[in-house]
Amino acid sequence: MATRFRFRLEALLKLRKSLEEEAQRKLGREMALLREIEKHIAGMQAEHGRTLDTRRAPQGGVVDLEHWRAIERYLVALERRIQASQAERHEAEQRVHQARKALTEAHQAHLTLLRLKERRQEAHNLEALHEEIRNLDEIAVLRHRFNTQLQSLSPTEVNP
């Protein structure tokens, strides 16, 4: 009887699978952070647009210079925060890129080991098939010898 297939690197295969899953989770977290930063930037840009609209005074109307200066200071601060957030978004995009690269590498490492397991299992199955064929051939030869020996016996030898 053929032995059961046992892949000696099964523990390593499981480890690589878990590393791939961890890389997927990390990529998901990084992408979620990037979406949050982009949402924050979009909100600040919308606020910037609304603030610009409040700066407009009706034609021929009175302009409050103190209020105008306060709006300008707020716009400058808002623009700085937008720029800082854009730099943060760029860093987040880099982290997403690195996480994608790490996921690709982890996936390739897992698939490589998985393919090795499949090849070894196919080789094991082929060897088991060859062993079974050898056993069947041996049984056929023994059966043939037994049948020829029975035929060569004389009828007196069979019935004493």
Protein backbone atom coordinates (compact mmCIF):
# COMPACT_ATOMS: atom_id res chain seq x y z
CA MET A 1 0.00 0.00 0.00
CA ALA A 2 1.29 3.45 -0.90
CA THR A 3 2.14 5.89 1.84
CA ARG A 4 0.08 8.99 2.38
CA PHE A 5 1.50 12.19 0.86
CA ARG A 6 3.15 14.43 3.41
CA PHE A 7 4.58 17.81 2.43
CA ARG A 8 7.53 18.51 4.68
CA LEU A 9 7.29 22.27 4.16
CA GLU A 10 3.63 22.49 5.21
CA ALA A 11 4.48 24.68 8.22
CA LEU A 12 6.36 27.09 5.97
CA LEU A 13 3.42 27.11 3.55
CA LYS A 14 1.05 28.06 6.38
CA LEU A 15 3.46 30.76 7.52
CA ARG A 16 3.68 32.24 4.04
CA LYS A 17 -0.11 32.14 3.74
CA SER A 18 -0.47 34.03 7.03
CA LEU A 19 2.19 36.55 5.93
CA GLU A 20 0.23 37.11 2.72
CA GLU A 21 -2.99 37.65 4.69
CA GLU A 22 -1.20 40.07 7.01
CA ALA A 23 0.11 41.98 3.98
CA GLN A 24 -3.47 42.17 2.66
CA ARG A 25 -4.68 43.56 5.98
CA LYS A 26 -1.86 46.11 6.07
CA LEU A 27 -2.66 47.25 2.53
CA GLY A 28 -6.30 47.64 3.52
CA ARG A 29 -5.36 49.74 6.55
CA GLU A 30 -3.04 51.94 4.50
CA MET A 31 -5.67 52.44 1.81
CA ALA A 32 -8.26 53.36 4.45
CA LEU A 33 -5.85 55.93 5.91
CA LEU A 34 -5.25 57.35 2.44
CA ARG A 35 -9.01 57.65 1.84
CA GLU A 36 -9.42 59.44 5.17
CA ILE A 37 -6.66 61.91 4.31
CA GLU A 38 -8.18 62.54 0.89
CA LYS A 39 -11.59 63.06 2.47
CA HIS A 40 -10.04 65.50 4.95
CA ILE A 41 -8.30 67.41 2.13
CA ALA A 42 -11.55 67.57 0.13
CA GLY A 43 -13.33 68.96 3.20
CA MET A 44 -10.67 71.62 3.71
CA GLN A 45 -10.77 72.57 0.02
CA ALA A 46 -14.56 72.90 0.22
CA GLU A 47 -14.13 75.06 3.33
CA HIS A 48 -11.59 77.15 1.44
CA GLY A 49 -14.08 77.70 -1.38
CA ARG A 50 -16.87 78.63 1.03
CA THR A 51 -14.56 81.05 2.85
CA LEU A 52 -13.60 82.70 -0.43
CA ASP A 53 -17.29 83.21 -1.13
CA THR A 54 -17.77 84.96 2.25
CA ARG A 55 -15.07 87.47 1.28
CA ARG A 56 -17.25 88.93 -1.43
CA ALA A 57 -19.01 92.09 -0.54
CA PRO A 58 -22.00 93.47 -2.41
CA GLN A 59 -21.12 96.06 -5.01
CA GLY A 60 -21.09 99.48 -3.46
CA GLY A 61 -21.45 97.95 0.03
CA VAL A 62 -19.38 98.58 3.13
CA VAL A 63 -16.28 96.40 3.64
CA ASP A 64 -15.26 95.50 7.19
CA LEU A 65 -11.45 95.47 6.99
CA GLU A 66 -10.97 93.65 10.31
CA HIS A 67 -13.31 90.91 9.19
CA TRP A 68 -11.52 90.83 5.81
CA ARG A 69 -8.11 90.46 7.54
CA ALA A 70 -9.45 87.69 9.76
CA ILE A 71 -10.75 85.85 6.69
CA GLU A 72 -7.38 86.28 4.96
CA ARG A 73 -5.51 84.94 8.01
CA TYR A 74 -7.90 82.01 8.14
CA LEU A 75 -7.40 81.34 4.42
CA VAL A 76 -3.61 81.40 4.80
CA ALA A 77 -3.80 78.98 7.74
CA LEU A 78 -6.23 76.78 5.82
CA GLU A 79 -3.94 76.73 2.78
CA ARG A 80 -1.00 75.70 4.98
CA ARG A 81 -3.07 72.89 6.46
CA ILE A 82 -4.09 71.81 2.97
CA GLN A 83 -0.45 71.76 1.89
CA ALA A 84 0.54 69.80 5.00
CA SER A 85 -2.29 67.35 4.35
CA GLN A 86 -1.21 66.98 0.74
CA ALA A 87 2.32 66.13 1.92
CA GLU A 88 0.74 63.63 4.33
CA ARG A 89 -1.29 62.22 1.42
CA HIS A 90 1.89 61.81 -0.60
CA GLU A 91 3.48 59.87 2.28
CA ALA A 92 0.34 57.76 2.58
CA GLU A 93 0.46 57.04 -1.15
CA GLN A 94 4.07 55.89 -0.73
CA ARG A 95 3.04 53.60 2.13
CA VAL A 96 0.21 52.18 -0.01
CA HIS A 97 2.69 51.58 -2.82
CA GLN A 98 5.08 49.81 -0.42
CA ALA A 99 2.22 47.76 1.03
CA ARG A 100 1.15 46.70 -2.47
CA LYS A 101 4.71 45.70 -3.27
CA ALA A 102 4.96 43.72 -0.02
CA LEU A 103 1.64 42.01 -0.78
CA THR A 104 2.84 41.08 -4.26
CA GLU A 105 6.06 39.61 -2.87
CA ALA A 106 4.21 37.70 -0.15
CA HIS A 107 1.71 36.37 -2.69
CA GLN A 108 4.50 35.24 -5.02
CA ALA A 109 6.34 33.53 -2.17
CA HIS A 110 3.14 31.72 -1.14
CA LEU A 111 2.35 30.67 -4.71
CA THR A 112 5.89 29.41 -5.27
CA LEU A 113 5.64 27.11 -2.27
CA LEU A 114 2.12 26.07 -3.25
CA ARG A 115 3.30 25.10 -6.73
CA LEU A 116 6.17 23.14 -5.20
CA LYS A 117 3.68 21.26 -3.04
CA GLU A 118 1.52 20.49 -6.07
CA ARG A 119 4.50 19.23 -8.07
CA ARG A 120 5.66 17.03 -5.21
CA GLN A 121 2.16 15.67 -4.72
CA GLU A 122 1.93 14.85 -8.42
CA ALA A 123 5.31 13.10 -8.22
CA HIS A 124 4.13 11.17 -5.16
CA ASN A 125 0.92 10.15 -6.91
CA LEU A 126 2.89 9.03 -9.97
CA GLU A 127 5.24 6.98 -7.80
CA ALA A 128 2.27 5.41 -6.02
CA LEU A 129 0.74 4.55 -9.39
CA HIS A 130 4.00 2.95 -10.52
CA GLU A 131 4.19 0.95 -7.30
CA GLU A 132 0.61 -0.23 -7.75
CA ILE A 133 1.35 -1.25 -11.34
CA ARG A 134 4.45 -3.21 -10.18
CA ASN A 135 2.37 -4.96 -7.52
CA LEU A 136 -0.32 -5.86 -10.04
CA ASP A 137 2.33 -7.15 -12.47
CA GLU A 138 3.85 -9.26 -9.70
CA ILE A 139 0.43 -10.67 -8.80
CA ALA A 140 -0.22 -11.47 -12.47
CA VAL A 141 3.11 -13.29 -12.75
CA LEU A 142 2.44 -15.29 -9.57
CA ARG A 143 -1.07 -16.14 -10.76
CA HIS A 144 0.31 -17.29 -14.12
CA ARG A 145 2.91 -19.50 -12.41
CA PHE A 146 0.31 -20.96 -10.10
CA ASN A 147 -2.05 -21.72 -13.02
CA THR A 148 0.74 -23.34 -15.09
CA GLN A 149 1.77 -25.47 -12.12
CA LEU A 150 -1.82 -26.66 -11.68
CA GLN A 151 -2.05 -27.56 -15.34
CA SER A 152 1.27 -29.41 -15.29
CA LEU A 153 0.16 -31.62 -12.41
CA SER A 154 -1.16 -34.96 -13.52
CA PRO A 155 -4.70 -35.94 -12.57
CA THR A 156 -3.34 -38.77 -10.39
CA GLU A 157 -1.33 -36.35 -8.39
CA VAL A 158 -4.36 -34.25 -7.69
CA ASN A 159 -6.61 -37.17 -6.61
CA PRO A 160 -4.67 -39.63 -4.42
